Amino acid sequence: MDISHIRKLIRLIQSSDITEIEVTEGDHTVRVSRQGSVATVAAPAAPQVVTAAVAEAPVAAAPAEEAAHENVVTSPMVGTFYLAPSPDADNFVSEGAKVKKGDTICIIEAMKLMNEIEAEYDGVVESILLSNASPVEYGQSLFVITPL
């Protein structure tokens, strides 16, 4: 991916409400993320990190964005995401389902170990962000759960 593509991604971030975008082209991946008043461009496959200043007006909806991030359940590890304990079993949760703190909401398989991921608080599953048997990275968003 050449620098002109990266500049286009930065302009896209600057001119919209998008806070992060990741583009994979062949074996190259570029993630552009806006955090505060700086957009960071990182190519995980390469050791370079390019940072560009972004002129950004203060956003009145910042607390709403922070609140939305608080409701996102993220992956504690790298592995494979499963919604059910076995291929022929029912899913642990579905969109609109109520969960209680400690309920198993998914499994992440890592190094042939099945790790149960539990709800951290009582709430309603607003959305499931991955499909079954998807690869997942550390910190990747899995669910949006609105607290009760």
Protein backbone atom coordinates (compact mmCIF):
# COMPACT_ATOMS: atom_id res chain seq x y z
CA MET A 1 0.00 0.00 0.00
CA ASP A 2 1.53 3.31 -1.01
CA ILE A 3 1.54 6.63 0.85
CA SER A 4 -1.19 8.14 -1.37
CA HIS A 5 -3.64 5.48 -0.15
CA ILE A 6 -2.67 6.23 3.44
CA ARG A 7 -3.18 9.97 2.88
CA LYS A 8 -6.66 9.25 1.46
CA LEU A 9 -7.48 7.27 4.61
CA ILE A 10 -6.31 10.16 6.80
CA ARG A 11 -8.47 12.62 4.81
CA LEU A 12 -11.43 10.24 5.20
CA ILE A 13 -10.96 10.22 8.97
CA GLN A 14 -10.59 14.01 9.06
CA SER A 15 -13.73 14.68 7.03
CA SER A 16 -16.07 12.28 8.81
CA ASP A 17 -17.18 11.05 12.22
CA ILE A 18 -15.22 7.83 11.75
CA THR A 19 -12.73 7.32 14.57
CA GLU A 20 -10.90 4.27 13.22
CA ILE A 21 -10.52 2.37 9.97
CA GLU A 22 -8.46 -0.71 9.11
CA VAL A 23 -7.70 -1.69 5.52
CA THR A 24 -6.04 -4.92 4.41
CA GLU A 25 -4.58 -5.16 0.94
CA GLY A 26 -2.84 -8.45 0.24
CA ASP A 27 -0.55 -9.12 3.18
CA HIS A 28 -0.35 -5.43 4.21
CA THR A 29 -2.66 -3.96 6.84
CA VAL A 30 -3.01 -0.28 7.71
CA ARG A 31 -5.04 1.04 10.65
CA VAL A 32 -5.83 4.75 10.91
CA SER A 33 -7.23 5.85 14.24
CA ARG A 34 -8.30 9.25 15.52
CA GLN A 35 -7.71 9.72 19.21
CA GLY A 36 -8.37 13.25 20.44
CA SER A 37 -6.62 15.60 18.05
CA VAL A 38 -4.12 13.14 16.53
CA ALA A 39 -4.64 10.50 13.86
CA THR A 40 -2.25 7.58 14.09
CA VAL A 41 -1.44 5.45 11.10
CA ALA A 42 0.16 2.12 11.95
CA ALA A 43 1.13 -0.70 9.64
CA PRO A 44 1.35 -3.76 11.93
CA ALA A 45 3.29 -5.76 9.34
CA ALA A 46 5.97 -3.04 9.16
CA PRO A 47 7.92 -1.48 12.03
CA GLN A 48 7.01 2.08 10.97
CA VAL A 49 4.35 4.22 12.63
CA VAL A 50 3.29 7.41 10.87
CA THR A 51 1.54 10.08 12.93
CA ALA A 52 -0.27 13.05 11.41
CA ALA A 53 -1.84 15.95 13.27
CA VAL A 54 -5.53 16.38 12.61
CA ALA A 55 -7.21 19.73 13.12
CA GLU A 56 -10.38 18.82 14.90
CA ALA A 57 -13.08 20.97 16.45
CA PRO A 58 -14.21 19.99 19.95
CA VAL A 59 -16.98 17.44 19.72
CA ALA A 60 -19.97 17.87 22.03
CA ALA A 61 -20.85 14.17 21.80
CA ALA A 62 -17.55 12.96 23.28
CA PRO A 63 -19.15 11.73 26.54
CA ALA A 64 -21.65 9.70 24.49
CA GLU A 65 -18.79 8.08 22.58
CA GLU A 66 -17.01 7.25 25.84
CA ALA A 67 -20.21 5.74 27.23
CA ALA A 68 -20.58 3.62 24.09
CA HIS A 69 -17.05 2.23 24.55
CA GLU A 70 -17.86 1.30 28.15
CA ASN A 71 -20.59 -1.04 26.87
CA VAL A 72 -18.32 -2.96 24.50
CA VAL A 73 -17.03 -6.37 25.59
CA THR A 74 -13.55 -6.90 24.17
CA SER A 75 -11.48 -10.03 23.71
CA PRO A 76 -8.96 -10.72 26.46
CA MET A 77 -6.85 -12.86 24.09
CA VAL A 78 -6.06 -13.88 20.54
CA GLY A 79 -7.95 -16.93 19.31
CA THR A 80 -11.11 -18.15 17.62
CA PHE A 81 -14.51 -16.77 18.67
CA TYR A 82 -17.38 -19.21 19.22
CA LEU A 83 -20.98 -18.33 20.11
CA ALA A 84 -21.88 -21.87 21.22
CA PRO A 85 -20.17 -24.63 23.23
CA SER A 86 -20.37 -27.03 20.26
CA PRO A 87 -21.43 -26.82 16.59
CA ASP A 88 -24.83 -28.43 17.25
CA ALA A 89 -25.62 -26.53 20.49
CA ASP A 90 -27.60 -23.32 20.92
CA ASN A 91 -25.71 -20.02 21.15
CA PHE A 92 -24.86 -18.75 24.62
CA VAL A 93 -26.56 -15.41 23.85
CA SER A 94 -28.39 -13.70 21.01
CA GLU A 95 -29.12 -10.07 20.24
CA GLY A 96 -31.77 -8.75 22.63
CA ALA A 97 -31.00 -11.39 25.28
CA LYS A 98 -30.64 -10.37 28.93
CA VAL A 99 -27.44 -11.47 30.66
CA LYS A 100 -26.37 -11.47 34.28
CA LYS A 101 -22.89 -10.85 35.62
CA GLY A 102 -20.96 -14.13 35.35
CA ASP A 103 -23.07 -15.63 32.53
CA THR A 104 -20.98 -17.21 29.77
CA ILE A 105 -21.49 -15.18 26.59
CA CYS A 106 -18.97 -16.87 24.26
CA ILE A 107 -15.88 -19.05 24.07
CA ILE A 108 -12.49 -18.07 22.70
CA GLU A 109 -10.32 -20.99 21.69
CA ALA A 110 -6.63 -20.29 22.18
CA MET A 111 -3.96 -22.95 21.79
CA LYS A 112 -6.56 -25.75 21.88
CA LEU A 113 -7.99 -24.43 25.18
CA MET A 114 -11.62 -23.30 25.36
CA ASN A 115 -11.80 -20.09 27.42
CA GLU A 116 -15.27 -19.05 28.56
CA ILE A 117 -15.87 -15.31 28.40
CA GLU A 118 -18.35 -14.08 31.01
CA ALA A 119 -20.55 -10.99 31.18
CA GLU A 120 -18.97 -8.39 33.44
CA TYR A 121 -22.32 -6.85 34.44
CA ASP A 122 -26.09 -7.35 34.11
CA GLY A 123 -27.41 -6.04 30.81
CA VAL A 124 -28.98 -6.59 27.41
CA VAL A 125 -26.97 -7.80 24.40
CA GLU A 126 -27.46 -5.00 21.85
CA SER A 127 -25.28 -6.51 19.15
CA ILE A 128 -22.90 -9.37 18.43
CA LEU A 129 -20.00 -7.92 16.46
CA LEU A 130 -18.45 -11.13 15.10
CA SER A 131 -19.72 -14.20 13.35
CA ASN A 132 -19.22 -17.69 14.77
CA ALA A 133 -15.76 -19.28 14.30
CA SER A 134 -14.14 -15.92 13.45
CA PRO A 135 -10.52 -15.22 14.33
CA VAL A 136 -10.25 -12.60 17.07
CA GLU A 137 -7.40 -10.33 18.19
CA TYR A 138 -6.58 -9.12 21.69
CA GLY A 139 -8.79 -6.12 22.53
CA GLN A 140 -11.11 -6.65 19.55
CA SER A 141 -14.76 -5.76 20.18
CA LEU A 142 -17.04 -8.80 20.58
CA PHE A 143 -20.38 -7.58 21.94
CA VAL A 144 -22.20 -4.40 22.86
CA ILE A 145 -24.06 -4.94 26.15
CA THR A 146 -26.18 -2.13 27.59
CA PRO A 147 -26.21 -2.24 31.40
CA LEU A 148 -29.54 -2.61 33.20
